[in-house]
Amino acid sequence: MTLDEYNGFCASLPHTTHVVQWGGAHVWKVGGKVFAIAGWSDGDGLAVTFKVSEMAFDILKEQPGLRPAPYLASRGMKWIQRQNGETMDDQGLRDYIGESHRLIAVKLTKATRRQLGFPA
């Protein structure tokens, strides 16, 4: 996945905003809360970081090309970073980014969800 493809996909999700921060990372938010980050790569490719369920975290953290997200997972948060497509292809990454968006959106306050037009 290229940076343009990543940004295009995240922009297609409901009620998202984009900012470049933290040393050039492309950060996508819903209701002011981060759901995906592209950047922070140790290699040449695009590294993408996203929130996952506890079960997905336990499975994905052991897969080649994936790792617990630097900074976030070390603080007990269930975030994974895809470093390359060895285990997770681009469609799988889109699926997980979409799920990350959903996981963050459902935790927004009722007032914020109502303001954004999400179901109560």
PDB file of N, CA and C in Angstrom:
ATOM      1  N   MET A   1       0.855  -1.179   0.000  1.00  0.00           N
ATOM      2  CA  MET A   1       0.000   0.000   0.000  1.00  0.00           C
ATOM      3  C   MET A   1       0.900   1.241   0.000  1.00  0.00           C
ATOM      4  N   THR A   2       0.584   2.152  -0.883  1.00  0.00           N
ATOM      5  CA  THR A   2       1.326   3.402  -0.920  1.00  0.00           C
ATOM      6  C   THR A   2       0.714   4.389   0.077  1.00  0.00           C
ATOM      7  N   LEU A   3       1.425   5.463   0.337  1.00  0.00           N
ATOM      8  CA  LEU A   3       0.906   6.498   1.223  1.00  0.00           C
ATOM      9  C   LEU A   3      -0.370   7.109   0.641  1.00  0.00           C
ATOM     10  N   ASP A   4      -0.401   7.331  -0.662  1.00  0.00           N
ATOM     11  CA  ASP A   4      -1.612   7.883  -1.289  1.00  0.00           C
ATOM     12  C   ASP A   4      -2.795   6.929  -1.157  1.00  0.00           C
ATOM     13  N   GLU A   5      -2.560   5.625  -1.337  1.00  0.00           N
ATOM     14  CA  GLU A   5      -3.639   4.642  -1.178  1.00  0.00           C
ATOM     15  C   GLU A   5      -4.127   4.605   0.267  1.00  0.00           C
ATOM     16  N   TYR A   6      -3.199   4.645   1.203  1.00  0.00           N
ATOM     17  CA  TYR A   6      -3.544   4.669   2.635  1.00  0.00           C
ATOM     18  C   TYR A   6      -4.408   5.894   2.942  1.00  0.00           C
ATOM     19  N   ASN A   7      -3.931   7.074   2.534  1.00  0.00           N
ATOM     20  CA  ASN A   7      -4.679   8.300   2.816  1.00  0.00           C
ATOM     21  C   ASN A   7      -6.040   8.287   2.133  1.00  0.00           C
ATOM     22  N   GLY A   8      -6.109   7.777   0.907  1.00  0.00           N
ATOM     23  CA  GLY A   8      -7.382   7.702   0.200  1.00  0.00           C
ATOM     24  C   GLY A   8      -8.371   6.788   0.896  1.00  0.00           C
ATOM     25  N   PHE A   9      -7.888   5.643   1.363  1.00  0.00           N
ATOM     26  CA  PHE A   9      -8.778   4.715   2.055  1.00  0.00           C
ATOM     27  C   PHE A   9      -9.282   5.324   3.366  1.00  0.00           C
ATOM     28  N   CYS A  10      -8.375   5.860   4.162  1.00  0.00           N
ATOM     29  CA  CYS A  10      -8.789   6.445   5.445  1.00  0.00           C
ATOM     30  C   CYS A  10      -9.772   7.597   5.227  1.00  0.00           C
ATOM     31  N   ALA A  11      -9.560   8.380   4.177  1.00  0.00           N
ATOM     32  CA  ALA A  11     -10.464   9.498   3.871  1.00  0.00           C
ATOM     33  C   ALA A  11     -11.856   9.012   3.495  1.00  0.00           C
ATOM     34  N   SER A  12     -11.950   7.773   3.004  1.00  0.00           N
ATOM     35  CA  SER A  12     -13.251   7.236   2.589  1.00  0.00           C
ATOM     36  C   SER A  12     -14.107   6.776   3.768  1.00  0.00           C
ATOM     37  N   LEU A  13     -13.520   6.650   4.932  1.00  0.00           N
ATOM     38  CA  LEU A  13     -14.267   6.216   6.115  1.00  0.00           C
ATOM     39  C   LEU A  13     -15.051   7.398   6.693  1.00  0.00           C
ATOM     40  N   PRO A  14     -16.174   7.133   7.345  1.00  0.00           N
ATOM     41  CA  PRO A  14     -17.045   8.219   7.822  1.00  0.00           C
ATOM     42  C   PRO A  14     -16.401   9.106   8.889  1.00  0.00           C
ATOM     43  N   HIS A  15     -16.576  10.408   8.724  1.00  0.00           N
ATOM     44  CA  HIS A  15     -16.264  11.410   9.746  1.00  0.00           C
ATOM     45  C   HIS A  15     -14.793  11.411  10.167  1.00  0.00           C
ATOM     46  N   THR A  16     -13.896  11.279   9.192  1.00  0.00           N
ATOM     47  CA  THR A  16     -12.475  11.237   9.513  1.00  0.00           C
ATOM     48  C   THR A  16     -11.808  12.588   9.284  1.00  0.00           C
ATOM     49  N   THR A  17     -10.719  12.796  10.000  1.00  0.00           N
ATOM     50  CA  THR A  17      -9.867  13.967   9.801  1.00  0.00           C
ATOM     51  C   THR A  17      -8.431  13.487   9.709  1.00  0.00           C
ATOM     52  N   HIS A  18      -7.610  14.275   9.036  1.00  0.00           N
ATOM     53  CA  HIS A  18      -6.221  13.912   8.763  1.00  0.00           C
ATOM     54  C   HIS A  18      -5.304  15.027   9.240  1.00  0.00           C
ATOM     55  N   VAL A  19      -4.188  14.636   9.833  1.00  0.00           N
ATOM     56  CA  VAL A  19      -3.170  15.592  10.242  1.00  0.00           C
ATOM     57  C   VAL A  19      -1.809  14.917  10.083  1.00  0.00           C
ATOM     58  N   VAL A  20      -0.807  15.700   9.753  1.00  0.00           N
ATOM     59  CA  VAL A  20       0.565  15.199   9.728  1.00  0.00           C
ATOM     60  C   VAL A  20       1.225  15.732  10.993  1.00  0.00           C
ATOM     61  N   GLN A  21       1.676  14.812  11.827  1.00  0.00           N
ATOM     62  CA  GLN A  21       2.281  15.193  13.109  1.00  0.00           C
ATOM     63  C   GLN A  21       3.281  14.123  13.528  1.00  0.00           C
ATOM     64  N   TRP A  22       3.872  14.294  14.678  1.00  0.00           N
ATOM     65  CA  TRP A  22       4.808  13.310  15.232  1.00  0.00           C
ATOM     66  C   TRP A  22       5.911  12.947  14.243  1.00  0.00           C
ATOM     67  N   GLY A  23       6.623  13.940  13.745  1.00  0.00           N
ATOM     68  CA  GLY A  23       7.739  13.676  12.864  1.00  0.00           C
ATOM     69  C   GLY A  23       7.344  13.231  11.471  1.00  0.00           C
ATOM     70  N   GLY A  24       6.230  13.729  10.967  1.00  0.00           N
ATOM     71  CA  GLY A  24       5.814  13.431   9.602  1.00  0.00           C
ATOM     72  C   GLY A  24       4.872  12.259   9.437  1.00  0.00           C
ATOM     73  N   ALA A  25       4.346  11.716  10.530  1.00  0.00           N
ATOM     74  CA  ALA A  25       3.386  10.613  10.442  1.00  0.00           C
ATOM     75  C   ALA A  25       2.039  11.139   9.950  1.00  0.00           C
ATOM     76  N   HIS A  26       1.398  10.355   9.075  1.00  0.00           N
ATOM     77  CA  HIS A  26       0.055  10.688   8.592  1.00  0.00           C
ATOM     78  C   HIS A  26      -0.942  10.039   9.542  1.00  0.00           C
ATOM     79  N   VAL A  27      -1.606  10.869  10.328  1.00  0.00           N
ATOM     80  CA  VAL A  27      -2.475  10.417  11.415  1.00  0.00           C
ATOM     81  C   VAL A  27      -3.925  10.673  11.027  1.00  0.00           C
ATOM     82  N   TRP A  28      -4.733   9.618  11.130  1.00  0.00           N
ATOM     83  CA  TRP A  28      -6.165   9.717  10.832  1.00  0.00           C
ATOM     84  C   TRP A  28      -6.949   9.549  12.123  1.00  0.00           C
ATOM     85  N   LYS A  29      -7.974  10.395  12.274  1.00  0.00           N
ATOM     86  CA  LYS A  29      -8.773  10.416  13.499  1.00  0.00           C
ATOM     87  C   LYS A  29     -10.253  10.370  13.154  1.00  0.00           C
ATOM     88  N   VAL A  30     -11.017   9.871  14.107  1.00  0.00           N
ATOM     89  CA  VAL A  30     -12.473   9.944  14.058  1.00  0.00           C
ATOM     90  C   VAL A  30     -12.916  10.525  15.393  1.00  0.00           C
ATOM     91  N   GLY A  31     -13.701  11.588  15.350  1.00  0.00           N
ATOM     92  CA  GLY A  31     -14.132  12.245  16.581  1.00  0.00           C
ATOM     93  C   GLY A  31     -12.968  12.740  17.415  1.00  0.00           C
ATOM     94  N   GLY A  32     -11.860  13.077  16.772  1.00  0.00           N
ATOM     95  CA  GLY A  32     -10.679  13.574  17.475  1.00  0.00           C
ATOM     96  C   GLY A  32      -9.786  12.498  18.056  1.00  0.00           C
ATOM     97  N   LYS A  33     -10.134  11.227  17.863  1.00  0.00           N
ATOM     98  CA  LYS A  33      -9.363  10.097  18.398  1.00  0.00           C
ATOM     99  C   LYS A  33      -8.662   9.359  17.261  1.00  0.00           C
ATOM    100  N   VAL A  34      -7.401   9.031  17.453  1.00  0.00           N
ATOM    101  CA  VAL A  34      -6.583   8.372  16.438  1.00  0.00           C
ATOM    102  C   VAL A  34      -7.074   6.949  16.189  1.00  0.00           C
ATOM    103  N   PHE A  35      -7.166   6.578  14.893  1.00  0.00           N
ATOM    104  CA  PHE A  35      -7.466   5.188  14.551  1.00  0.00           C
ATOM    105  C   PHE A  35      -6.430   4.586  13.613  1.00  0.00           C
ATOM    106  N   ALA A  36      -5.602   5.397  12.957  1.00  0.00           N
ATOM    107  CA  ALA A  36      -4.570   4.859  12.062  1.00  0.00           C
ATOM    108  C   ALA A  36      -3.425   5.862  11.925  1.00  0.00           C
ATOM    109  N   ILE A  37      -2.215   5.318  11.832  1.00  0.00           N
ATOM    110  CA  ILE A  37      -1.013   6.129  11.688  1.00  0.00           C
ATOM    111  C   ILE A  37      -0.138   5.484  10.624  1.00  0.00           C
ATOM    112  N   ALA A  38       0.321   6.266   9.657  1.00  0.00           N
ATOM    113  CA  ALA A  38       1.279   5.768   8.669  1.00  0.00           C
ATOM    114  C   ALA A  38       2.575   6.537   8.841  1.00  0.00           C
ATOM    115  N   GLY A  39       3.653   5.800   8.949  1.00  0.00           N
ATOM    116  CA  GLY A  39       4.963   6.380   9.176  1.00  0.00           C
ATOM    117  C   GLY A  39       5.683   5.554  10.227  1.00  0.00           C
ATOM    118  N   TRP A  40       6.676   6.126  10.848  1.00  0.00           N
ATOM    119  CA  TRP A  40       7.451   5.460  11.906  1.00  0.00           C
ATOM    120  C   TRP A  40       8.062   4.153  11.427  1.00  0.00           C
ATOM    121  N   SER A  41       8.452   4.085  10.174  1.00  0.00           N
ATOM    122  CA  SER A  41       8.978   2.851   9.608  1.00  0.00           C
ATOM    123  C   SER A  41      10.466   2.703   9.879  1.00  0.00           C
ATOM    124  N   ASP A  42      10.879   1.483  10.194  1.00  0.00           N
ATOM    125  CA  ASP A  42      12.298   1.175  10.343  1.00  0.00           C
ATOM    126  C   ASP A  42      12.928   0.843   8.996  1.00  0.00           C
ATOM    127  N   GLY A  43      12.105   0.607   7.992  1.00  0.00           N
ATOM    128  CA  GLY A  43      12.595   0.216   6.672  1.00  0.00           C
ATOM    129  C   GLY A  43      12.194   1.201   5.602  1.00  0.00           C
ATOM    130  N   ASP A  44      12.212   0.730   4.354  1.00  0.00           N
ATOM    131  CA  ASP A  44      11.887   1.588   3.218  1.00  0.00           C
ATOM    132  C   ASP A  44      10.392   1.692   2.966  1.00  0.00           C
ATOM    133  N   GLY A  45       9.630   0.671   3.310  1.00  0.00           N
ATOM    134  CA  GLY A  45       8.200   0.652   3.026  1.00  0.00           C
ATOM    135  C   GLY A  45       7.398   1.486   3.999  1.00  0.00           C
ATOM    136  N   LEU A  46       6.123   1.567   3.716  1.00  0.00           N
ATOM    137  CA  LEU A  46       5.191   2.311   4.560  1.00  0.00           C
ATOM    138  C   LEU A  46       4.761   1.432   5.729  1.00  0.00           C
ATOM    139  N   ALA A  47       4.992   1.877   6.934  1.00  0.00           N
ATOM    140  CA  ALA A  47       4.504   1.181   8.121  1.00  0.00           C
ATOM    141  C   ALA A  47       3.170   1.802   8.513  1.00  0.00           C
ATOM    142  N   VAL A  48       2.177   0.951   8.793  1.00  0.00           N
ATOM    143  CA  VAL A  48       0.846   1.425   9.172  1.00  0.00           C
ATOM    144  C   VAL A  48       0.483   0.823  10.524  1.00  0.00           C
ATOM    145  N   THR A  49       0.043   1.685  11.433  1.00  0.00           N
ATOM    146  CA  THR A  49      -0.296   1.304  12.790  1.00  0.00           C
ATOM    147  C   THR A  49      -1.796   1.483  12.998  1.00  0.00           C
ATOM    148  N   PHE A  50      -2.417   0.503  13.671  1.00  0.00           N
ATOM    149  CA  PHE A  50      -3.872   0.535  13.849  1.00  0.00           C
ATOM    150  C   PHE A  50      -4.257  -0.204  15.123  1.00  0.00           C
ATOM    151  N   LYS A  51      -5.413   0.162  15.678  1.00  0.00           N
ATOM    152  CA  LYS A  51      -5.952  -0.467  16.884  1.00  0.00           C
ATOM    153  C   LYS A  51      -6.622  -1.785  16.516  1.00  0.00           C
ATOM    154  N   VAL A  52      -6.491  -2.781  17.403  1.00  0.00           N
ATOM    155  CA  VAL A  52      -7.127  -4.081  17.189  1.00  0.00           C
ATOM    156  C   VAL A  52      -7.746  -4.566  18.496  1.00  0.00           C
ATOM    157  N   SER A  53      -8.561  -5.597  18.387  1.00  0.00           N
ATOM    158  CA  SER A  53      -9.124  -6.238  19.582  1.00  0.00           C
ATOM    159  C   SER A  53      -8.012  -6.984  20.317  1.00  0.00           C
ATOM    160  N   GLU A  54      -8.293  -7.369  21.539  1.00  0.00           N
ATOM    161  CA  GLU A  54      -7.310  -8.133  22.320  1.00  0.00           C
ATOM    162  C   GLU A  54      -6.957  -9.443  21.633  1.00  0.00           C
ATOM    163  N   MET A  55      -7.965 -10.149  21.106  1.00  0.00           N
ATOM    164  CA  MET A  55      -7.721 -11.429  20.453  1.00  0.00           C
ATOM    165  C   MET A  55      -6.870 -11.238  19.191  1.00  0.00           C
ATOM    166  N   ALA A  56      -7.211 -10.242  18.385  1.00  0.00           N
ATOM    167  CA  ALA A  56      -6.437  -9.976  17.170  1.00  0.00           C
ATOM    168  C   ALA A  56      -5.001  -9.595  17.523  1.00  0.00           C
ATOM    169  N   PHE A  57      -4.830  -8.816  18.575  1.00  0.00           N
ATOM    170  CA  PHE A  57      -3.483  -8.424  19.001  1.00  0.00           C
ATOM    171  C   PHE A  57      -2.645  -9.654  19.330  1.00  0.00           C
ATOM    172  N   ASP A  58      -3.219 -10.576  20.088  1.00  0.00           N
ATOM    173  CA  ASP A  58      -2.496 -11.787  20.479  1.00  0.00           C
ATOM    174  C   ASP A  58      -2.088 -12.627  19.276  1.00  0.00           C
ATOM    175  N   ILE A  59      -2.908 -12.639  18.252  1.00  0.00           N
ATOM    176  CA  ILE A  59      -2.608 -13.419  17.040  1.00  0.00           C
ATOM    177  C   ILE A  59      -1.625 -12.664  16.143  1.00  0.00           C
ATOM    178  N   LEU A  60      -1.913 -11.400  15.869  1.00  0.00           N
ATOM    179  CA  LEU A  60      -1.137 -10.636  14.894  1.00  0.00           C
ATOM    180  C   LEU A  60       0.279 -10.316  15.356  1.00  0.00           C
ATOM    181  N   LYS A  61       0.475 -10.125  16.642  1.00  0.00           N
ATOM    182  CA  LYS A  61       1.804  -9.722  17.125  1.00  0.00           C
ATOM    183  C   LYS A  61       2.876 -10.767  16.831  1.00  0.00           C
ATOM    184  N   GLU A  62       2.468 -12.004  16.544  1.00  0.00           N
ATOM    185  CA  GLU A  62       3.406 -13.090  16.276  1.00  0.00           C
ATOM    186  C   GLU A  62       3.649 -13.326  14.785  1.00  0.00           C
ATOM    187  N   GLN A  63       2.949 -12.604  13.928  1.00  0.00           N
ATOM    188  CA  GLN A  63       3.014 -12.852  12.489  1.00  0.00           C
ATOM    189  C   GLN A  63       4.172 -12.091  11.838  1.00  0.00           C
ATOM    190  N   PRO A  64       4.838 -12.702  10.856  1.00  0.00           N
ATOM    191  CA  PRO A  64       5.912 -12.009  10.136  1.00  0.00           C
ATOM    192  C   PRO A  64       5.381 -10.746   9.447  1.00  0.00           C
ATOM    193  N   GLY A  65       6.152  -9.676   9.531  1.00  0.00           N
ATOM    194  CA  GLY A  65       5.762  -8.411   8.915  1.00  0.00           C
ATOM    195  C   GLY A  65       4.878  -7.549   9.789  1.00  0.00           C
ATOM    196  N   LEU A  66       4.483  -8.069  10.954  1.00  0.00           N
ATOM    197  CA  LEU A  66       3.646  -7.343  11.908  1.00  0.00           C
ATOM    198  C   LEU A  66       4.354  -7.321  13.253  1.00  0.00           C
ATOM    199  N   ARG A  67       4.038  -6.325  14.070  1.00  0.00           N
ATOM    200  CA  ARG A  67       4.601  -6.273  15.422  1.00  0.00           C
ATOM    201  C   ARG A  67       3.716  -5.403  16.300  1.00  0.00           C
ATOM    202  N   PRO A  68       3.837  -5.573  17.623  1.00  0.00           N
ATOM    203  CA  PRO A  68       3.155  -4.625  18.495  1.00  0.00           C
ATOM    204  C   PRO A  68       3.653  -3.214  18.164  1.00  0.00           C
ATOM    205  N   ALA A  69       2.755  -2.277  18.080  1.00  0.00           N
ATOM    206  CA  ALA A  69       3.113  -0.922  17.650  1.00  0.00           C
ATOM    207  C   ALA A  69       4.065  -0.264  18.638  1.00  0.00           C
ATOM    208  N   PRO A  70       5.170   0.263  18.126  1.00  0.00           N
ATOM    209  CA  PRO A  70       6.090   0.983  19.012  1.00  0.00           C
ATOM    210  C   PRO A  70       5.354   2.113  19.731  1.00  0.00           C
ATOM    211  N   TYR A  71       5.754   2.371  20.949  1.00  0.00           N
ATOM    212  CA  TYR A  71       5.202   3.424  21.800  1.00  0.00           C
ATOM    213  C   TYR A  71       3.816   3.081  22.342  1.00  0.00           C
ATOM    214  N   LEU A  72       2.926   2.607  21.501  1.00  0.00           N
ATOM    215  CA  LEU A  72       1.546   2.360  21.926  1.00  0.00           C
ATOM    216  C   LEU A  72       1.406   1.038  22.671  1.00  0.00           C
ATOM    217  N   ALA A  73       1.890  -0.048  22.080  1.00  0.00           N
ATOM    218  CA  ALA A  73       1.751  -1.361  22.706  1.00  0.00           C
ATOM    219  C   ALA A  73       2.562  -1.444  24.001  1.00  0.00           C
ATOM    220  N   SER A  74       3.673  -0.726  24.055  1.00  0.00           N
ATOM    221  CA  SER A  74       4.481  -0.762  25.279  1.00  0.00           C
ATOM    222  C   SER A  74       3.761  -0.098  26.450  1.00  0.00           C
ATOM    223  N   ARG A  75       2.712   0.632  26.156  1.00  0.00           N
ATOM    224  CA  ARG A  75       1.906   1.270  27.202  1.00  0.00           C
ATOM    225  C   ARG A  75       0.618   0.492  27.469  1.00  0.00           C
ATOM    226  N   GLY A  76       0.571  -0.749  26.991  1.00  0.00           N
ATOM    227  CA  GLY A  76      -0.564  -1.620  27.256  1.00  0.00           C
ATOM    228  C   GLY A  76      -1.709  -1.487  26.273  1.00  0.00           C
ATOM    229  N   MET A  77      -1.548  -0.655  25.245  1.00  0.00           N
ATOM    230  CA  MET A  77      -2.609  -0.491  24.262  1.00  0.00           C
ATOM    231  C   MET A  77      -2.501  -1.580  23.196  1.00  0.00           C
ATOM    232  N   LYS A  78      -3.617  -1.980  22.655  1.00  0.00           N
ATOM    233  CA  LYS A  78      -3.661  -3.064  21.663  1.00  0.00           C
ATOM    234  C   LYS A  78      -3.604  -2.473  20.258  1.00  0.00           C
ATOM    235  N   TRP A  79      -2.409  -2.122  19.843  1.00  0.00           N
ATOM    236  CA  TRP A  79      -2.148  -1.554  18.533  1.00  0.00           C
ATOM    237  C   TRP A  79      -1.087  -2.401  17.849  1.00  0.00           C
ATOM    238  N   ILE A  80      -1.281  -2.631  16.558  1.00  0.00           N
ATOM    239  CA  ILE A  80      -0.360  -3.416  15.729  1.00  0.00           C
ATOM    240  C   ILE A  80       0.219  -2.511  14.648  1.00  0.00           C
ATOM    241  N   GLN A  81       1.456  -2.774  14.293  1.00  0.00           N
ATOM    242  CA  GLN A  81       2.064  -2.070  13.158  1.00  0.00           C
ATOM    243  C   GLN A  81       2.377  -3.077  12.061  1.00  0.00           C
ATOM    244  N   ARG A  82       1.861  -2.810  10.870  1.00  0.00           N
ATOM    245  CA  ARG A  82       2.218  -3.620   9.703  1.00  0.00           C
ATOM    246  C   ARG A  82       3.433  -2.969   9.069  1.00  0.00           C
ATOM    247  N   GLN A  83       4.531  -3.700   9.065  1.00  0.00           N
ATOM    248  CA  GLN A  83       5.767  -3.186   8.496  1.00  0.00           C
ATOM    249  C   GLN A  83       5.904  -3.528   7.021  1.00  0.00           C
ATOM    250  N   ASN A  84       5.316  -4.642   6.618  1.00  0.00           N
ATOM    251  CA  ASN A  84       5.338  -5.053   5.213  1.00  0.00           C
ATOM    252  C   ASN A  84       4.183  -6.022   4.980  1.00  0.00           C
ATOM    253  N   GLY A  85       3.996  -6.426   3.729  1.00  0.00           N
ATOM    254  CA  GLY A  85       2.874  -7.278   3.367  1.00  0.00           C
ATOM    255  C   GLY A  85       3.163  -8.761   3.443  1.00  0.00           C
ATOM    256  N   GLU A  86       4.175  -9.155   4.206  1.00  0.00           N
ATOM    257  CA  GLU A  86       4.556 -10.570   4.271  1.00  0.00           C
ATOM    258  C   GLU A  86       3.405 -11.468   4.715  1.00  0.00           C
ATOM    259  N   THR A  87       2.674 -11.062   5.720  1.00  0.00           N
ATOM    260  CA  THR A  87       1.554 -11.854   6.236  1.00  0.00           C
ATOM    261  C   THR A  87       0.206 -11.233   5.891  1.00  0.00           C
ATOM    262  N   MET A  88       0.135  -9.908   5.926  1.00  0.00           N
ATOM    263  CA  MET A  88      -1.131  -9.196   5.715  1.00  0.00           C
ATOM    264  C   MET A  88      -1.054  -8.423   4.405  1.00  0.00           C
ATOM    265  N   ASP A  89      -1.908  -8.785   3.440  1.00  0.00           N
ATOM    266  CA  ASP A  89      -1.922  -8.060   2.172  1.00  0.00           C
ATOM    267  C   ASP A  89      -2.667  -6.734   2.341  1.00  0.00           C
ATOM    268  N   ASP A  90      -2.696  -5.938   1.268  1.00  0.00           N
ATOM    269  CA  ASP A  90      -3.314  -4.613   1.348  1.00  0.00           C
ATOM    270  C   ASP A  90      -4.803  -4.675   1.668  1.00  0.00           C
ATOM    271  N   GLN A  91      -5.515  -5.685   1.149  1.00  0.00           N
ATOM    272  CA  GLN A  91      -6.937  -5.791   1.478  1.00  0.00           C
ATOM    273  C   GLN A  91      -7.123  -6.117   2.956  1.00  0.00           C
ATOM    274  N   GLY A  92      -6.298  -7.001   3.484  1.00  0.00           N
ATOM    275  CA  GLY A  92      -6.347  -7.296   4.913  1.00  0.00           C
ATOM    276  C   GLY A  92      -6.069  -6.047   5.736  1.00  0.00           C
ATOM    277  N   LEU A  93      -5.100  -5.244   5.295  1.00  0.00           N
ATOM    278  CA  LEU A  93      -4.793  -3.993   5.992  1.00  0.00           C
ATOM    279  C   LEU A  93      -5.994  -3.052   5.960  1.00  0.00           C
ATOM    280  N   ARG A  94      -6.633  -2.936   4.813  1.00  0.00           N
ATOM    281  CA  ARG A  94      -7.846  -2.101   4.737  1.00  0.00           C
ATOM    282  C   ARG A  94      -8.905  -2.591   5.716  1.00  0.00           C
ATOM    283  N   ASP A  95      -9.088  -3.894   5.786  1.00  0.00           N
ATOM    284  CA  ASP A  95     -10.074  -4.465   6.711  1.00  0.00           C
ATOM    285  C   ASP A  95      -9.745  -4.090   8.160  1.00  0.00           C
ATOM    286  N   TYR A  96      -8.482  -4.207   8.529  1.00  0.00           N
ATOM    287  CA  TYR A  96      -8.085  -3.882   9.903  1.00  0.00           C
ATOM    288  C   TYR A  96      -8.163  -2.388  10.188  1.00  0.00           C
ATOM    289  N   ILE A  97      -7.829  -1.549   9.209  1.00  0.00           N
ATOM    290  CA  ILE A  97      -7.984  -0.105   9.409  1.00  0.00           C
ATOM    291  C   ILE A  97      -9.467   0.236   9.599  1.00  0.00           C
ATOM    292  N   GLY A  98     -10.331  -0.374   8.803  1.00  0.00           N
ATOM    293  CA  GLY A  98     -11.771  -0.161   8.959  1.00  0.00           C
ATOM    294  C   GLY A  98     -12.265  -0.596  10.327  1.00  0.00           C
ATOM    295  N   GLU A  99     -11.752  -1.717  10.797  1.00  0.00           N
ATOM    296  CA  GLU A  99     -12.123  -2.203  12.130  1.00  0.00           C
ATOM    297  C   GLU A  99     -11.569  -1.269  13.210  1.00  0.00           C
ATOM    298  N   SER A 100     -10.370  -0.758  13.025  1.00  0.00           N
ATOM    299  CA  SER A 100      -9.803   0.195  13.972  1.00  0.00           C
ATOM    300  C   SER A 100     -10.691   1.438  14.059  1.00  0.00           C
ATOM    301  N   HIS A 101     -11.126   1.924  12.921  1.00  0.00           N
ATOM    302  CA  HIS A 101     -12.042   3.067  12.878  1.00  0.00           C
ATOM    303  C   HIS A 101     -13.299   2.754  13.694  1.00  0.00           C
ATOM    304  N   ARG A 102     -13.860   1.567  13.489  1.00  0.00           N
ATOM    305  CA  ARG A 102     -15.071   1.169  14.213  1.00  0.00           C
ATOM    306  C   ARG A 102     -14.810   1.075  15.720  1.00  0.00           C
ATOM    307  N   LEU A 103     -13.681   0.452  16.109  1.00  0.00           N
ATOM    308  CA  LEU A 103     -13.350   0.297  17.530  1.00  0.00           C
ATOM    309  C   LEU A 103     -13.224   1.657  18.223  1.00  0.00           C
ATOM    310  N   ILE A 104     -12.640   2.615  17.539  1.00  0.00           N
ATOM    311  CA  ILE A 104     -12.498   3.953  18.120  1.00  0.00           C
ATOM    312  C   ILE A 104     -13.851   4.666  18.140  1.00  0.00           C
ATOM    313  N   ALA A 105     -14.603   4.577  17.053  1.00  0.00           N
ATOM    314  CA  ALA A 105     -15.888   5.285  16.961  1.00  0.00           C
ATOM    315  C   ALA A 105     -16.875   4.829  18.029  1.00  0.00           C
ATOM    316  N   VAL A 106     -16.914   3.534  18.323  1.00  0.00           N
ATOM    317  CA  VAL A 106     -17.880   3.053  19.317  1.00  0.00           C
ATOM    318  C   VAL A 106     -17.537   3.514  20.725  1.00  0.00           C
ATOM    319  N   LYS A 107     -16.305   3.935  20.955  1.00  0.00           N
ATOM    320  CA  LYS A 107     -15.891   4.409  22.282  1.00  0.00           C
ATOM    321  C   LYS A 107     -16.049   5.921  22.456  1.00  0.00           C
ATOM    322  N   LEU A 108     -16.460   6.617  21.391  1.00  0.00           N
ATOM    323  CA  LEU A 108     -16.691   8.055  21.512  1.00  0.00           C
ATOM    324  C   LEU A 108     -17.880   8.301  22.431  1.00  0.00           C
ATOM    325  N   THR A 109     -17.930   9.467  23.016  1.00  0.00           N
ATOM    326  CA  THR A 109     -19.064   9.792  23.876  1.00  0.00           C
ATOM    327  C   THR A 109     -20.349   9.805  23.051  1.00  0.00           C
ATOM    328  N   LYS A 110     -21.461   9.607  23.725  1.00  0.00           N
ATOM    329  CA  LYS A 110     -22.749   9.635  23.032  1.00  0.00           C
ATOM    330  C   LYS A 110     -22.965  10.974  22.337  1.00  0.00           C
ATOM    331  N   ALA A 111     -22.570  12.049  22.996  1.00  0.00           N
ATOM    332  CA  ALA A 111     -22.747  13.378  22.411  1.00  0.00           C
ATOM    333  C   ALA A 111     -21.910  13.522  21.133  1.00  0.00           C
ATOM    334  N   THR A 112     -20.679  13.045  21.151  1.00  0.00           N
ATOM    335  CA  THR A 112     -19.819  13.133  19.982  1.00  0.00           C
ATOM    336  C   THR A 112     -20.361  12.243  18.865  1.00  0.00           C
ATOM    337  N   ARG A 113     -20.797  11.043  19.217  1.00  0.00           N
ATOM    338  CA  ARG A 113     -21.356  10.134  18.205  1.00  0.00           C
ATOM    339  C   ARG A 113     -22.595  10.765  17.560  1.00  0.00           C
ATOM    340  N   ARG A 114     -23.439  11.361  18.365  1.00  0.00           N
ATOM    341  CA  ARG A 114     -24.656  12.011  17.851  1.00  0.00           C
ATOM    342  C   ARG A 114     -24.275  13.194  16.950  1.00  0.00           C
ATOM    343  N   GLN A 115     -23.312  13.997  17.389  1.00  0.00           N
ATOM    344  CA  GLN A 115     -22.866  15.156  16.612  1.00  0.00           C
ATOM    345  C   GLN A 115     -22.307  14.733  15.249  1.00  0.00           C
ATOM    346  N   LEU A 116     -21.601  13.595  15.202  1.00  0.00           N
ATOM    347  CA  LEU A 116     -21.016  13.118  13.954  1.00  0.00           C
ATOM    348  C   LEU A 116     -22.016  12.365  13.079  1.00  0.00           C
ATOM    349  N   GLY A 117     -23.154  11.983  13.666  1.00  0.00           N
ATOM    350  CA  GLY A 117     -24.166  11.287  12.906  1.00  0.00           C
ATOM    351  C   GLY A 117     -24.051   9.773  12.956  1.00  0.00           C
ATOM    352  N   PHE A 118     -23.285   9.251  13.925  1.00  0.00           N
ATOM    353  CA  PHE A 118     -23.213   7.812  14.118  1.00  0.00           C
ATOM    354  C   PHE A 118     -24.462   7.343  14.857  1.00  0.00           C
ATOM    355  N   PRO A 119     -24.854   6.080  14.662  1.00  0.00           N
ATOM    356  CA  PRO A 119     -25.983   5.542  15.432  1.00  0.00           C
ATOM    357  C   PRO A 119     -25.683   5.589  16.936  1.00  0.00           C
ATOM    358  N   ALA A 120     -26.684   5.822  17.718  1.00  0.00           N
ATOM    359  CA  ALA A 120     -26.518   5.926  19.184  1.00  0.00           C
ATOM    360  C   ALA A 120     -26.133   4.624  19.826  1.00  0.00           C
TER     361      ALA A 120
END
